[in-house]
Amino acid sequence: MSDLTFHIRSHLPDCDGEELEHRTALLKARDYAAWLRTRVATQTALGHAADAHEVASAYLYAEATPALLKAAVGYCRNLVHAAFLADHLMEGGEA
């Protein structure tokens, strides 16, 4: 059992399979979004990172179907990606 799996199962002991995979991905997304919030330079990027952190936190231990968890993971990943792109564009980065 990985450290991340341990964190999930400490709150949801019966969590397994696809649900566990999605919750582990949400935990990673939450932690990465928190880290990203300290690294971006623009307000737009900060907003995307904050939204990803908030959504991942909201669904991480909530009662939800695997399909809903999968959607939350995709949403958070896209927000993190959007944060990187927004920061790059607004700072005048090259394509």
N, C-alpha and C. Protein backbone atom coordinates (compact mmCIF):
# COMPACT_ATOMS: atom_id res chain seq x y z
N MET A 1 0.84 -1.17 0.00
CA MET A 1 0.00 0.00 0.00
C MET A 1 0.90 1.24 0.00
N SER A 2 0.66 2.14 -0.95
CA SER A 2 1.46 3.37 -1.02
C SER A 2 1.04 4.34 0.07
N ASP A 3 1.88 5.32 0.32
CA ASP A 3 1.55 6.34 1.31
C ASP A 3 0.25 7.04 0.97
N LEU A 4 0.04 7.32 -0.31
CA LEU A 4 -1.19 8.01 -0.71
C LEU A 4 -2.41 7.13 -0.48
N THR A 5 -2.28 5.87 -0.78
CA THR A 5 -3.38 4.94 -0.53
C THR A 5 -3.70 4.89 0.96
N PHE A 6 -2.68 4.92 1.77
CA PHE A 6 -2.89 4.93 3.21
C PHE A 6 -3.73 6.12 3.64
N HIS A 7 -3.44 7.29 3.09
CA HIS A 7 -4.19 8.49 3.44
C HIS A 7 -5.67 8.35 3.07
N ILE A 8 -5.92 7.80 1.91
CA ILE A 8 -7.30 7.61 1.47
C ILE A 8 -8.01 6.61 2.38
N ARG A 9 -7.36 5.48 2.61
CA ARG A 9 -7.99 4.42 3.41
C ARG A 9 -8.11 4.78 4.89
N SER A 10 -7.35 5.75 5.35
CA SER A 10 -7.52 6.17 6.74
C SER A 10 -8.85 6.89 6.94
N HIS A 11 -9.38 7.48 5.86
CA HIS A 11 -10.68 8.15 5.91
C HIS A 11 -11.80 7.27 5.36
N LEU A 12 -11.46 6.45 4.37
CA LEU A 12 -12.44 5.59 3.70
C LEU A 12 -11.88 4.17 3.64
N PRO A 13 -11.98 3.41 4.73
CA PRO A 13 -11.32 2.11 4.80
C PRO A 13 -11.76 1.09 3.75
N ASP A 14 -12.96 1.20 3.23
CA ASP A 14 -13.46 0.24 2.24
C ASP A 14 -13.20 0.66 0.80
N CYS A 15 -12.53 1.77 0.61
CA CYS A 15 -12.27 2.28 -0.73
C CYS A 15 -11.30 1.35 -1.46
N ASP A 16 -11.63 1.00 -2.71
CA ASP A 16 -10.79 0.09 -3.47
C ASP A 16 -11.03 0.30 -4.96
N GLY A 17 -10.22 -0.32 -5.77
CA GLY A 17 -10.39 -0.35 -7.22
C GLY A 17 -10.36 1.02 -7.87
N GLU A 18 -11.29 1.22 -8.80
CA GLU A 18 -11.38 2.45 -9.58
C GLU A 18 -11.59 3.67 -8.67
N GLU A 19 -12.41 3.50 -7.66
CA GLU A 19 -12.66 4.61 -6.73
C GLU A 19 -11.36 5.03 -6.04
N LEU A 20 -10.58 4.07 -5.60
CA LEU A 20 -9.31 4.36 -4.94
C LEU A 20 -8.34 5.07 -5.89
N GLU A 21 -8.32 4.63 -7.15
CA GLU A 21 -7.45 5.27 -8.15
C GLU A 21 -7.83 6.73 -8.34
N HIS A 22 -9.12 7.01 -8.45
CA HIS A 22 -9.58 8.39 -8.65
C HIS A 22 -9.31 9.25 -7.42
N ARG A 23 -9.52 8.70 -6.25
CA ARG A 23 -9.27 9.48 -5.03
C ARG A 23 -7.78 9.74 -4.85
N THR A 24 -6.95 8.79 -5.23
CA THR A 24 -5.51 9.00 -5.17
C THR A 24 -5.09 10.10 -6.14
N ALA A 25 -5.69 10.09 -7.33
CA ALA A 25 -5.41 11.15 -8.31
C ALA A 25 -5.87 12.51 -7.79
N LEU A 26 -6.99 12.54 -7.08
CA LEU A 26 -7.47 13.80 -6.50
C LEU A 26 -6.52 14.30 -5.41
N LEU A 27 -6.00 13.38 -4.63
CA LEU A 27 -5.04 13.76 -3.59
C LEU A 27 -3.79 14.38 -4.22
N LYS A 28 -3.31 13.75 -5.28
CA LYS A 28 -2.15 14.29 -6.00
C LYS A 28 -2.47 15.66 -6.59
N ALA A 29 -3.65 15.77 -7.20
CA ALA A 29 -4.06 17.05 -7.80
C ALA A 29 -4.17 18.14 -6.75
N ARG A 30 -4.72 17.81 -5.60
CA ARG A 30 -4.86 18.80 -4.53
C ARG A 30 -3.48 19.29 -4.07
N ASP A 31 -2.58 18.36 -3.84
CA ASP A 31 -1.25 18.73 -3.37
C ASP A 31 -0.47 19.51 -4.44
N TYR A 32 -0.61 19.10 -5.69
CA TYR A 32 0.08 19.79 -6.77
C TYR A 32 -0.48 21.19 -6.97
N ALA A 33 -1.80 21.33 -6.88
CA ALA A 33 -2.42 22.65 -7.02
C ALA A 33 -1.97 23.58 -5.89
N ALA A 34 -1.83 23.03 -4.69
CA ALA A 34 -1.34 23.84 -3.56
C ALA A 34 0.08 24.32 -3.84
N TRP A 35 0.91 23.45 -4.35
CA TRP A 35 2.28 23.82 -4.69
C TRP A 35 2.29 24.87 -5.80
N LEU A 36 1.44 24.66 -6.80
CA LEU A 36 1.39 25.56 -7.95
C LEU A 36 0.97 26.98 -7.54
N ARG A 37 0.12 27.06 -6.54
CA ARG A 37 -0.35 28.38 -6.08
C ARG A 37 0.81 29.26 -5.61
N THR A 38 1.90 28.66 -5.22
CA THR A 38 3.06 29.44 -4.76
C THR A 38 4.04 29.73 -5.89
N ARG A 39 3.77 29.21 -7.08
CA ARG A 39 4.73 29.33 -8.18
C ARG A 39 4.26 30.21 -9.33
N VAL A 40 2.98 30.45 -9.47
CA VAL A 40 2.49 31.24 -10.61
C VAL A 40 2.57 32.73 -10.30
N ALA A 41 2.68 33.52 -11.37
CA ALA A 41 2.88 34.95 -11.20
C ALA A 41 1.65 35.79 -11.52
N THR A 42 0.65 35.21 -12.17
CA THR A 42 -0.51 36.00 -12.58
C THR A 42 -1.75 35.63 -11.79
N GLN A 43 -2.67 36.58 -11.70
CA GLN A 43 -3.92 36.36 -10.96
C GLN A 43 -4.79 35.29 -11.63
N THR A 44 -4.81 35.26 -12.94
CA THR A 44 -5.61 34.26 -13.64
C THR A 44 -5.10 32.86 -13.33
N ALA A 45 -3.80 32.68 -13.42
CA ALA A 45 -3.21 31.37 -13.12
C ALA A 45 -3.44 31.00 -11.66
N LEU A 46 -3.30 31.97 -10.78
CA LEU A 46 -3.55 31.71 -9.36
C LEU A 46 -4.99 31.27 -9.14
N GLY A 47 -5.92 31.91 -9.83
CA GLY A 47 -7.33 31.52 -9.72
C GLY A 47 -7.58 30.10 -10.18
N HIS A 48 -6.96 29.71 -11.29
CA HIS A 48 -7.12 28.33 -11.78
C HIS A 48 -6.55 27.33 -10.78
N ALA A 49 -5.37 27.62 -10.25
CA ALA A 49 -4.75 26.72 -9.27
C ALA A 49 -5.59 26.64 -8.00
N ALA A 50 -6.12 27.76 -7.56
CA ALA A 50 -6.97 27.77 -6.36
C ALA A 50 -8.25 26.98 -6.59
N ASP A 51 -8.84 27.12 -7.78
CA ASP A 51 -10.05 26.35 -8.10
C ASP A 51 -9.76 24.86 -8.13
N ALA A 52 -8.63 24.47 -8.71
CA ALA A 52 -8.26 23.05 -8.74
C ALA A 52 -8.10 22.52 -7.32
N HIS A 53 -7.45 23.28 -6.47
CA HIS A 53 -7.25 22.88 -5.08
C HIS A 53 -8.59 22.73 -4.37
N GLU A 54 -9.48 23.67 -4.58
CA GLU A 54 -10.79 23.64 -3.93
C GLU A 54 -11.63 22.45 -4.37
N VAL A 55 -11.67 22.19 -5.66
CA VAL A 55 -12.47 21.07 -6.18
C VAL A 55 -11.89 19.74 -5.73
N ALA A 56 -10.58 19.59 -5.81
CA ALA A 56 -9.95 18.34 -5.36
C ALA A 56 -10.24 18.10 -3.88
N SER A 57 -10.15 19.14 -3.09
CA SER A 57 -10.44 19.02 -1.66
C SER A 57 -11.90 18.64 -1.41
N ALA A 58 -12.79 19.22 -2.19
CA ALA A 58 -14.21 18.97 -1.99
C ALA A 58 -14.60 17.52 -2.30
N TYR A 59 -13.97 16.91 -3.30
CA TYR A 59 -14.35 15.57 -3.72
C TYR A 59 -13.48 14.46 -3.14
N LEU A 60 -12.34 14.81 -2.57
CA LEU A 60 -11.38 13.81 -2.13
C LEU A 60 -11.99 12.75 -1.21
N TYR A 61 -12.71 13.17 -0.20
CA TYR A 61 -13.29 12.23 0.76
C TYR A 61 -14.81 12.25 0.75
N ALA A 62 -15.41 12.94 -0.20
CA ALA A 62 -16.86 13.05 -0.28
C ALA A 62 -17.47 11.76 -0.84
N GLU A 63 -18.71 11.53 -0.49
CA GLU A 63 -19.43 10.40 -1.08
C GLU A 63 -19.72 10.75 -2.53
N ALA A 64 -19.20 9.93 -3.44
CA ALA A 64 -19.36 10.18 -4.87
C ALA A 64 -19.14 8.90 -5.65
N THR A 65 -19.77 8.83 -6.80
CA THR A 65 -19.60 7.68 -7.67
C THR A 65 -18.24 7.74 -8.35
N PRO A 66 -17.73 6.60 -8.80
CA PRO A 66 -16.47 6.63 -9.55
C PRO A 66 -16.53 7.56 -10.78
N ALA A 67 -17.67 7.62 -11.44
CA ALA A 67 -17.80 8.50 -12.61
C ALA A 67 -17.67 9.96 -12.22
N LEU A 68 -18.26 10.33 -11.11
CA LEU A 68 -18.15 11.71 -10.64
C LEU A 68 -16.73 12.02 -10.19
N LEU A 69 -16.09 11.07 -9.53
CA LEU A 69 -14.70 11.26 -9.12
C LEU A 69 -13.79 11.42 -10.35
N LYS A 70 -14.05 10.63 -11.37
CA LYS A 70 -13.27 10.71 -12.61
C LYS A 70 -13.43 12.09 -13.24
N ALA A 71 -14.65 12.61 -13.25
CA ALA A 71 -14.89 13.95 -13.79
C ALA A 71 -14.16 15.01 -12.97
N ALA A 72 -14.15 14.87 -11.66
CA ALA A 72 -13.45 15.82 -10.79
C ALA A 72 -11.95 15.79 -11.06
N VAL A 73 -11.40 14.60 -11.26
CA VAL A 73 -9.97 14.47 -11.58
C VAL A 73 -9.66 15.19 -12.89
N GLY A 74 -10.45 14.93 -13.90
CA GLY A 74 -10.24 15.58 -15.20
C GLY A 74 -10.33 17.09 -15.11
N TYR A 75 -11.32 17.56 -14.36
CA TYR A 75 -11.51 19.00 -14.18
C TYR A 75 -10.29 19.62 -13.50
N CYS A 76 -9.81 18.98 -12.44
CA CYS A 76 -8.65 19.51 -11.72
C CYS A 76 -7.40 19.50 -12.59
N ARG A 77 -7.20 18.44 -13.33
CA ARG A 77 -6.03 18.37 -14.22
C ARG A 77 -6.09 19.47 -15.27
N ASN A 78 -7.28 19.70 -15.82
CA ASN A 78 -7.42 20.75 -16.82
C ASN A 78 -7.20 22.13 -16.22
N LEU A 79 -7.65 22.35 -14.99
CA LEU A 79 -7.41 23.63 -14.33
C LEU A 79 -5.93 23.87 -14.08
N VAL A 80 -5.22 22.83 -13.68
CA VAL A 80 -3.77 22.97 -13.46
C VAL A 80 -3.08 23.29 -14.78
N HIS A 81 -3.48 22.60 -15.82
CA HIS A 81 -2.92 22.88 -17.15
C HIS A 81 -3.24 24.31 -17.57
N ALA A 82 -4.47 24.73 -17.34
CA ALA A 82 -4.87 26.11 -17.67
C ALA A 82 -4.06 27.12 -16.88
N ALA A 83 -3.74 26.82 -15.65
CA ALA A 83 -2.92 27.72 -14.84
C ALA A 83 -1.55 27.91 -15.46
N PHE A 84 -0.93 26.82 -15.89
CA PHE A 84 0.38 26.92 -16.54
C PHE A 84 0.29 27.76 -17.81
N LEU A 85 -0.72 27.47 -18.62
CA LEU A 85 -0.87 28.19 -19.88
C LEU A 85 -1.16 29.67 -19.65
N ALA A 86 -2.03 29.98 -18.71
CA ALA A 86 -2.36 31.37 -18.40
C ALA A 86 -1.13 32.12 -17.94
N ASP A 87 -0.36 31.51 -17.08
CA ASP A 87 0.84 32.16 -16.57
C ASP A 87 1.81 32.42 -17.72
N HIS A 88 1.96 31.45 -18.60
CA HIS A 88 2.87 31.56 -19.74
C HIS A 88 2.40 32.68 -20.68
N LEU A 89 1.11 32.71 -21.00
CA LEU A 89 0.59 33.71 -21.92
C LEU A 89 0.64 35.13 -21.34
N MET A 90 0.27 35.25 -20.11
CA MET A 90 0.17 36.58 -19.50
C MET A 90 1.52 37.15 -19.12
N GLU A 91 2.51 36.29 -19.04
CA GLU A 91 3.87 36.77 -18.78
C GLU A 91 4.62 37.03 -20.08
N GLY A 92 3.92 36.85 -21.22
CA GLY A 92 4.52 37.14 -22.52
C GLY A 92 5.46 36.07 -23.03
N GLY A 93 5.21 34.82 -22.62
CA GLY A 93 6.07 33.71 -23.05
C GLY A 93 5.96 33.43 -24.53
N GLU A 94 6.98 32.81 -25.06
CA GLU A 94 7.00 32.41 -26.46
C GLU A 94 6.23 31.11 -26.62
N ALA A 95 5.58 30.93 -27.74
CA ALA A 95 4.80 29.72 -28.01
C ALA A 95 5.68 28.54 -28.27
